[in-house]
Amino acid sequence: MKILLSLAAVGMLAVVGCDKSDQKSVKDMAPKSTDLGTGLNAVEKSYARPAGEMSDVVAGVLQSFDLKLESTTHDDLGGEIVARRADGHKVTAKITARDEAACDVSIRVAPGNRQMADLIQERIGEKATGLPAK
């Protein structure tokens, strides 16, 4: 009988100790969206062009989509170009030099519009291949 009462007391303490307000549900811990700005929906491609040269190409392509350039910070090692769509969503292009003659270009269209990022990359590819070789 003492064992049964002891087990009942332990069980009651366990139930009392489990305050649901202190526990996070799986829903609370899950990401609020599928793209947290980490690049999940960013489209990255490599180009056989110097990063400094690609900055001008990327800026021109973004403007060809009637996007308003907000900032362009770049040098021969790469940089970042930020533009806004008419609906206010941000388009970010990051250019990173791989070596003197090649770079990577990453395009992200908020809020995670991968199709638009693909379309921009496609046009960048067309413009980059049309440039005269150095």
Protein backbone atom coordinates (compact mmCIF):
# COMPACT_ATOMS: atom_id res chain seq x y z
CA MET A 1 0.00 0.00 0.00
CA LYS A 2 2.87 2.40 0.82
CA ILE A 3 4.41 1.69 -2.56
CA LEU A 4 1.13 2.41 -4.33
CA LEU A 5 0.74 5.73 -2.47
CA SER A 6 4.35 6.63 -3.22
CA LEU A 7 3.83 5.98 -6.93
CA ALA A 8 0.63 8.02 -6.90
CA ALA A 9 2.43 10.92 -5.20
CA VAL A 10 5.29 10.81 -7.72
CA GLY A 11 2.76 10.72 -10.55
CA MET A 12 0.96 13.78 -9.17
CA LEU A 13 4.25 15.68 -8.85
CA ALA A 14 5.12 14.80 -12.42
CA VAL A 15 1.77 16.10 -13.66
CA VAL A 16 2.06 19.30 -11.62
CA GLY A 17 5.62 19.84 -12.86
CA CYS A 18 4.49 19.71 -16.50
CA ASP A 19 3.30 23.27 -16.91
CA LYS A 20 2.32 23.59 -20.57
CA SER A 21 3.08 27.32 -20.64
CA ASP A 22 6.80 26.55 -20.22
CA GLN A 23 6.89 24.04 -23.03
CA LYS A 24 7.23 25.04 -26.66
CA SER A 25 5.06 23.20 -29.09
CA VAL A 26 6.39 21.93 -32.38
CA LYS A 27 4.30 24.61 -34.07
CA ASP A 28 6.11 27.36 -32.11
CA MET A 29 9.53 25.98 -33.02
CA ALA A 30 8.79 25.51 -36.72
CA PRO A 31 9.86 28.25 -39.15
CA LYS A 32 7.16 30.81 -39.83
CA SER A 33 7.80 30.64 -43.57
CA THR A 34 9.71 28.51 -46.00
CA ASP A 35 12.34 31.18 -46.65
CA LEU A 36 13.93 33.01 -43.75
CA GLY A 37 16.23 35.14 -45.88
CA THR A 38 18.92 32.52 -45.64
CA GLY A 39 19.02 31.95 -49.36
CA LEU A 40 16.69 28.98 -49.49
CA ASN A 41 15.06 30.42 -52.60
CA ALA A 42 18.13 32.20 -53.93
CA VAL A 43 19.38 31.12 -57.34
CA GLU A 44 23.15 31.02 -57.73
CA LYS A 45 25.10 30.58 -60.94
CA SER A 46 28.74 30.81 -61.92
CA TYR A 47 30.00 32.94 -64.78
CA ALA A 48 33.34 33.03 -66.58
CA ARG A 49 33.57 36.80 -66.14
CA PRO A 50 35.38 38.97 -63.58
CA ALA A 51 33.23 40.09 -60.63
CA GLY A 52 33.78 43.79 -61.40
CA GLU A 53 32.48 43.31 -64.93
CA MET A 54 29.47 41.29 -63.77
CA SER A 55 28.37 44.06 -61.38
CA ASP A 56 27.57 46.28 -64.34
CA VAL A 57 25.79 43.43 -66.14
CA VAL A 58 23.66 42.54 -63.12
CA ALA A 59 22.73 46.20 -62.47
CA GLY A 60 21.73 46.58 -66.14
CA VAL A 61 19.62 43.43 -66.07
CA LEU A 62 17.79 44.51 -62.91
CA GLN A 63 17.05 47.87 -64.51
CA SER A 64 15.83 46.10 -67.67
CA PHE A 65 13.08 44.58 -65.51
CA ASP A 66 12.09 48.15 -64.47
CA LEU A 67 13.41 47.59 -60.96
CA LYS A 68 14.56 50.64 -59.00
CA LEU A 69 18.16 50.32 -57.83
CA GLU A 70 18.47 51.22 -54.14
CA SER A 71 22.14 50.50 -53.57
CA THR A 72 25.15 49.18 -55.39
CA THR A 73 28.25 48.38 -53.40
CA HIS A 74 30.90 46.51 -55.32
CA ASP A 75 34.54 46.29 -56.22
CA ASP A 76 36.72 43.86 -58.18
CA LEU A 77 36.09 41.13 -55.57
CA GLY A 78 32.30 41.30 -55.79
CA GLY A 79 29.54 43.14 -54.03
CA GLU A 80 25.83 43.51 -53.54
CA ILE A 81 23.11 45.23 -55.54
CA VAL A 82 19.72 45.86 -53.96
CA ALA A 83 16.69 46.81 -56.04
CA ARG A 84 12.94 47.18 -55.41
CA ARG A 85 10.06 45.88 -57.45
CA ALA A 86 6.97 48.01 -58.06
CA ASP A 87 5.16 46.07 -55.31
CA GLY A 88 7.92 46.99 -52.83
CA HIS A 89 9.56 43.56 -52.65
CA LYS A 90 13.34 43.55 -52.51
CA VAL A 91 15.63 41.91 -55.05
CA THR A 92 19.17 41.23 -53.83
CA ALA A 93 22.05 40.28 -56.11
CA LYS A 94 25.28 39.13 -54.49
CA ILE A 95 28.39 38.80 -56.63
CA THR A 96 31.39 36.89 -55.33
CA ALA A 97 34.70 36.54 -57.17
CA ARG A 98 35.93 32.97 -57.49
CA ASP A 99 39.20 34.05 -59.11
CA GLU A 100 40.37 36.82 -61.44
CA ALA A 101 38.28 35.60 -64.36
CA ALA A 102 35.18 34.00 -62.79
CA CYS A 103 32.48 34.82 -60.25
CA ASP A 104 29.28 33.54 -58.67
CA VAL A 105 26.05 35.54 -58.83
CA SER A 106 23.26 34.87 -56.35
CA ILE A 107 19.81 36.36 -56.92
CA ARG A 108 17.08 36.41 -54.28
CA VAL A 109 13.65 37.95 -54.87
CA ALA A 110 11.68 38.53 -51.66
CA PRO A 111 9.59 36.90 -50.33
CA GLY A 112 11.21 33.78 -51.75
CA ASN A 113 10.11 34.09 -55.39
CA ARG A 114 12.38 31.49 -56.97
CA GLN A 115 10.73 31.71 -60.41
CA MET A 116 11.53 35.41 -60.68
CA ALA A 117 15.10 34.77 -59.50
CA ASP A 118 15.44 32.12 -62.24
CA LEU A 119 14.15 34.59 -64.84
CA ILE A 120 16.67 37.23 -63.75
CA GLN A 121 19.53 34.69 -63.83
CA GLU A 122 18.48 33.62 -67.31
CA ARG A 123 18.75 37.20 -68.59
CA ILE A 124 22.08 37.70 -66.79
CA GLY A 125 23.36 34.59 -68.57
CA GLU A 126 22.25 35.98 -71.94
CA LYS A 127 23.97 39.31 -71.30
CA ALA A 128 27.14 37.73 -69.85
CA THR A 129 27.65 35.48 -72.90
CA GLY A 130 27.14 38.45 -75.23
CA LEU A 131 30.05 40.35 -73.69
CA PRO A 132 33.33 40.43 -75.58
CA ALA A 133 35.94 38.10 -74.08
CA LYS A 134 38.82 39.63 -72.17
